[in-house]
């Protein structure tokens, strides 16, 4: 049996991405939306067979079923808002929350868990040639390159 090659998709600007590519994706919590950076870990198709299951090309039960793409991403910790979501409470040996001198819980850096993106149409592959820090700088760079 041969190993299956990872899928390659394109973002909304037609830039390709695959496993290992650094991407930007929208993330929301409540009414707050932010842009998160992450590295693609896996890309696969799923089908609805009473529940969502990974598509298997050799499974005859999956023939004719609608396929939907999923992308698993490992967040890098860089995002457009606060990094508080990548910290966790510090606990002592008795599993009690540790408080600092300001009577606030002490937060420690924590690795973000991988996430599965159900909506892949909003994924953006950053352009490494663009060193702009603000939209205004980017518009100026694009205008200068077009002229």
C-alpha atoms as a PDB file:
ATOM      1  CA  UNK A   1       0.000   0.000   0.000  1.00  0.00           C
ATOM      2  CA  UNK A   2       1.387   3.421  -0.925  1.00  0.00           C
ATOM      3  CA  UNK A   3       1.296   6.343   1.473  1.00  0.00           C
ATOM      4  CA  UNK A   4      -1.240   8.968   0.462  1.00  0.00           C
ATOM      5  CA  UNK A   5       0.181  12.421  -0.334  1.00  0.00           C
ATOM      6  CA  UNK A   6      -1.103  15.308   1.812  1.00  0.00           C
ATOM      7  CA  UNK A   7      -3.851  17.383   0.239  1.00  0.00           C
ATOM      8  CA  UNK A   8      -3.056  20.822  -1.136  1.00  0.00           C
ATOM      9  CA  UNK A   9      -5.742  23.514  -1.003  1.00  0.00           C
ATOM     10  CA  UNK A  10      -5.797  27.177  -1.983  1.00  0.00           C
ATOM     11  CA  UNK A  11      -6.803  30.145   0.128  1.00  0.00           C
ATOM     12  CA  UNK A  12      -9.297  32.787  -0.991  1.00  0.00           C
ATOM     13  CA  UNK A  13      -6.503  34.562  -2.931  1.00  0.00           C
ATOM     14  CA  UNK A  14      -5.504  31.332  -4.755  1.00  0.00           C
ATOM     15  CA  UNK A  15      -2.308  30.840  -2.718  1.00  0.00           C
ATOM     16  CA  UNK A  16      -1.634  27.116  -2.151  1.00  0.00           C
ATOM     17  CA  UNK A  17      -1.206  25.578   1.307  1.00  0.00           C
ATOM     18  CA  UNK A  18      -0.622  22.073   2.595  1.00  0.00           C
ATOM     19  CA  UNK A  19       0.617  20.305   5.742  1.00  0.00           C
ATOM     20  CA  UNK A  20       3.365  22.429   7.317  1.00  0.00           C
ATOM     21  CA  UNK A  21       2.208  25.755   5.834  1.00  0.00           C
ATOM     22  CA  UNK A  22       1.826  28.768   8.130  1.00  0.00           C
ATOM     23  CA  UNK A  23      -1.674  30.272   7.740  1.00  0.00           C
ATOM     24  CA  UNK A  24      -3.915  32.949   9.212  1.00  0.00           C
ATOM     25  CA  UNK A  25      -7.507  32.136  10.124  1.00  0.00           C
ATOM     26  CA  UNK A  26     -10.372  33.937  11.856  1.00  0.00           C
ATOM     27  CA  UNK A  27     -11.308  32.844  15.352  1.00  0.00           C
ATOM     28  CA  UNK A  28     -14.238  34.033  17.411  1.00  0.00           C
ATOM     29  CA  UNK A  29     -15.357  33.829  20.989  1.00  0.00           C
ATOM     30  CA  UNK A  30     -18.706  35.371  21.807  1.00  0.00           C
ATOM     31  CA  UNK A  31     -18.879  38.605  19.823  1.00  0.00           C
ATOM     32  CA  UNK A  32     -15.100  39.010  19.619  1.00  0.00           C
ATOM     33  CA  UNK A  33     -13.280  38.082  16.421  1.00  0.00           C
ATOM     34  CA  UNK A  34      -9.510  37.870  16.020  1.00  0.00           C
ATOM     35  CA  UNK A  35      -6.968  36.681  13.477  1.00  0.00           C
ATOM     36  CA  UNK A  36      -4.928  33.690  14.636  1.00  0.00           C
ATOM     37  CA  UNK A  37      -1.708  32.334  13.149  1.00  0.00           C
ATOM     38  CA  UNK A  38      -1.187  28.574  12.943  1.00  0.00           C
ATOM     39  CA  UNK A  39       0.671  25.763  11.218  1.00  0.00           C
ATOM     40  CA  UNK A  40      -1.337  23.224   9.208  1.00  0.00           C
ATOM     41  CA  UNK A  41      -1.060  19.745  10.758  1.00  0.00           C
ATOM     42  CA  UNK A  42      -3.535  17.804   8.611  1.00  0.00           C
ATOM     43  CA  UNK A  43      -6.026  18.257   5.781  1.00  0.00           C
ATOM     44  CA  UNK A  44      -8.730  15.666   5.120  1.00  0.00           C
ATOM     45  CA  UNK A  45     -12.232  15.165   3.817  1.00  0.00           C
ATOM     46  CA  UNK A  46     -15.152  13.941   5.900  1.00  0.00           C
ATOM     47  CA  UNK A  47     -18.531  12.504   4.928  1.00  0.00           C
ATOM     48  CA  UNK A  48     -21.790  12.262   6.844  1.00  0.00           C
ATOM     49  CA  UNK A  49     -22.498   8.584   7.507  1.00  0.00           C
ATOM     50  CA  UNK A  50     -24.755   8.956  10.535  1.00  0.00           C
ATOM     51  CA  UNK A  51     -21.900  11.003  12.007  1.00  0.00           C
ATOM     52  CA  UNK A  52     -18.925  12.817  10.488  1.00  0.00           C
ATOM     53  CA  UNK A  53     -16.212  10.306   9.559  1.00  0.00           C
ATOM     54  CA  UNK A  54     -12.969  10.608   7.621  1.00  0.00           C
ATOM     55  CA  UNK A  55     -13.501   9.923   3.921  1.00  0.00           C
ATOM     56  CA  UNK A  56     -11.933   6.677   2.737  1.00  0.00           C
ATOM     57  CA  UNK A  57     -11.676   6.340  -1.059  1.00  0.00           C
ATOM     58  CA  UNK A  58     -11.867   2.519  -0.925  1.00  0.00           C
ATOM     59  CA  UNK A  59     -14.966   2.458   1.306  1.00  0.00           C
ATOM     60  CA  UNK A  60     -17.995   1.791  -0.912  1.00  0.00           C
ATOM     61  CA  UNK A  61     -20.289   3.196   1.811  1.00  0.00           C
ATOM     62  CA  UNK A  62     -18.714   6.633   1.203  1.00  0.00           C
ATOM     63  CA  UNK A  63     -19.485   6.669  -2.540  1.00  0.00           C
ATOM     64  CA  UNK A  64     -21.948   9.364  -3.526  1.00  0.00           C
ATOM     65  CA  UNK A  65     -21.860  11.123  -0.141  1.00  0.00           C
ATOM     66  CA  UNK A  66     -21.073  14.828   0.036  1.00  0.00           C
ATOM     67  CA  UNK A  67     -17.470  15.453   1.064  1.00  0.00           C
ATOM     68  CA  UNK A  68     -16.456  18.363   3.296  1.00  0.00           C
ATOM     69  CA  UNK A  69     -12.852  19.437   3.924  1.00  0.00           C
ATOM     70  CA  UNK A  70     -11.386  19.846   7.414  1.00  0.00           C
ATOM     71  CA  UNK A  71      -8.062  21.465   8.317  1.00  0.00           C
ATOM     72  CA  UNK A  72      -6.278  20.792  11.632  1.00  0.00           C
ATOM     73  CA  UNK A  73      -4.063  23.669  12.769  1.00  0.00           C
ATOM     74  CA  UNK A  74      -1.567  24.112  15.617  1.00  0.00           C
ATOM     75  CA  UNK A  75      -1.856  27.749  16.800  1.00  0.00           C
ATOM     76  CA  UNK A  76       1.524  29.486  17.110  1.00  0.00           C
ATOM     77  CA  UNK A  77       0.333  31.828  19.849  1.00  0.00           C
ATOM     78  CA  UNK A  78       0.460  34.912  17.634  1.00  0.00           C
ATOM     79  CA  UNK A  79      -2.919  36.593  17.229  1.00  0.00           C
ATOM     80  CA  UNK A  80      -4.403  40.016  16.621  1.00  0.00           C
ATOM     81  CA  UNK A  81      -5.743  40.349  20.175  1.00  0.00           C
ATOM     82  CA  UNK A  82      -4.560  39.497  23.658  1.00  0.00           C
ATOM     83  CA  UNK A  83      -2.520  36.370  24.313  1.00  0.00           C
ATOM     84  CA  UNK A  84      -4.520  35.625  27.469  1.00  0.00           C
ATOM     85  CA  UNK A  85      -6.115  32.667  25.663  1.00  0.00           C
ATOM     86  CA  UNK A  86      -2.709  30.998  25.618  1.00  0.00           C
ATOM     87  CA  UNK A  87      -2.195  31.157  29.361  1.00  0.00           C
ATOM     88  CA  UNK A  88      -3.554  28.998  32.116  1.00  0.00           C
ATOM     89  CA  UNK A  89      -3.967  29.255  35.867  1.00  0.00           C
ATOM     90  CA  UNK A  90      -1.053  28.200  38.066  1.00  0.00           C
ATOM     91  CA  UNK A  91      -1.898  25.562  40.690  1.00  0.00           C
ATOM     92  CA  UNK A  92       0.110  24.553  43.778  1.00  0.00           C
ATOM     93  CA  UNK A  93       0.758  21.019  45.092  1.00  0.00           C
ATOM     94  CA  UNK A  94      -2.703  20.911  46.745  1.00  0.00           C
ATOM     95  CA  UNK A  95      -4.426  21.827  43.445  1.00  0.00           C
ATOM     96  CA  UNK A  96      -5.246  25.313  44.753  1.00  0.00           C
ATOM     97  CA  UNK A  97      -5.029  28.351  42.479  1.00  0.00           C
ATOM     98  CA  UNK A  98      -1.913  30.441  43.180  1.00  0.00           C
ATOM     99  CA  UNK A  99      -2.537  34.170  43.708  1.00  0.00           C
ATOM    100  CA  UNK A 100       0.031  36.932  43.206  1.00  0.00           C
ATOM    101  CA  UNK A 101       0.797  39.928  45.413  1.00  0.00           C
ATOM    102  CA  UNK A 102      -2.005  41.848  43.681  1.00  0.00           C
ATOM    103  CA  UNK A 103      -4.551  39.158  44.735  1.00  0.00           C
ATOM    104  CA  UNK A 104      -5.054  38.105  41.121  1.00  0.00           C
ATOM    105  CA  UNK A 105      -4.632  34.526  39.926  1.00  0.00           C
ATOM    106  CA  UNK A 106      -1.165  33.832  38.505  1.00  0.00           C
ATOM    107  CA  UNK A 107      -1.218  32.903  34.823  1.00  0.00           C
ATOM    108  CA  UNK A 108       1.514  30.846  33.168  1.00  0.00           C
ATOM    109  CA  UNK A 109       2.274  30.356  29.491  1.00  0.00           C
ATOM    110  CA  UNK A 110       0.570  27.283  28.036  1.00  0.00           C
ATOM    111  CA  UNK A 111       0.805  25.631  24.661  1.00  0.00           C
ATOM    112  CA  UNK A 112      -2.341  26.096  22.628  1.00  0.00           C
ATOM    113  CA  UNK A 113      -4.118  22.892  21.642  1.00  0.00           C
ATOM    114  CA  UNK A 114      -4.587  22.013  17.973  1.00  0.00           C
ATOM    115  CA  UNK A 115      -7.890  23.111  16.471  1.00  0.00           C
ATOM    116  CA  UNK A 116      -9.921  21.727  13.576  1.00  0.00           C
ATOM    117  CA  UNK A 117     -11.229  24.372  11.211  1.00  0.00           C
ATOM    118  CA  UNK A 118     -14.718  23.558   9.977  1.00  0.00           C
ATOM    119  CA  UNK A 119     -14.872  26.611   7.716  1.00  0.00           C
ATOM    120  CA  UNK A 120     -11.859  26.665   5.396  1.00  0.00           C
ATOM    121  CA  UNK A 121     -12.937  29.427   2.997  1.00  0.00           C
ATOM    122  CA  UNK A 122     -11.479  32.161   5.254  1.00  0.00           C
ATOM    123  CA  UNK A 123      -7.951  30.749   5.512  1.00  0.00           C
ATOM    124  CA  UNK A 124      -5.245  33.153   4.347  1.00  0.00           C
ATOM    125  CA  UNK A 125      -1.671  32.257   3.441  1.00  0.00           C
ATOM    126  CA  UNK A 126       0.508  35.223   4.429  1.00  0.00           C
ATOM    127  CA  UNK A 127       2.719  36.658   1.707  1.00  0.00           C
ATOM    128  CA  UNK A 128       6.339  36.415   2.941  1.00  0.00           C
ATOM    129  CA  UNK A 129       7.490  39.182   0.568  1.00  0.00           C
ATOM    130  CA  UNK A 130       5.106  41.667   2.203  1.00  0.00           C
ATOM    131  CA  UNK A 131       6.745  43.280   5.237  1.00  0.00           C
ATOM    132  CA  UNK A 132       3.916  45.755   5.823  1.00  0.00           C
ATOM    133  CA  UNK A 133       2.715  46.225   9.384  1.00  0.00           C
ATOM    134  CA  UNK A 134      -0.506  48.113   8.675  1.00  0.00           C
ATOM    135  CA  UNK A 135      -3.110  48.023   5.878  1.00  0.00           C
ATOM    136  CA  UNK A 136      -2.091  51.534   4.843  1.00  0.00           C
ATOM    137  CA  UNK A 137       1.505  50.425   4.289  1.00  0.00           C
ATOM    138  CA  UNK A 138       0.301  47.469   2.226  1.00  0.00           C
ATOM    139  CA  UNK A 139      -1.894  49.654   0.025  1.00  0.00           C
ATOM    140  CA  UNK A 140       1.079  51.936  -0.575  1.00  0.00           C
ATOM    141  CA  UNK A 141       3.327  48.983  -1.432  1.00  0.00           C
ATOM    142  CA  UNK A 142       0.764  47.546  -3.844  1.00  0.00           C
ATOM    143  CA  UNK A 143       0.290  50.951  -5.513  1.00  0.00           C
ATOM    144  CA  UNK A 144       4.080  51.423  -5.807  1.00  0.00           C
ATOM    145  CA  UNK A 145       4.541  47.963  -7.366  1.00  0.00           C
ATOM    146  CA  UNK A 146       1.711  48.494  -9.860  1.00  0.00           C
ATOM    147  CA  UNK A 147       2.901  51.927 -11.027  1.00  0.00           C
END
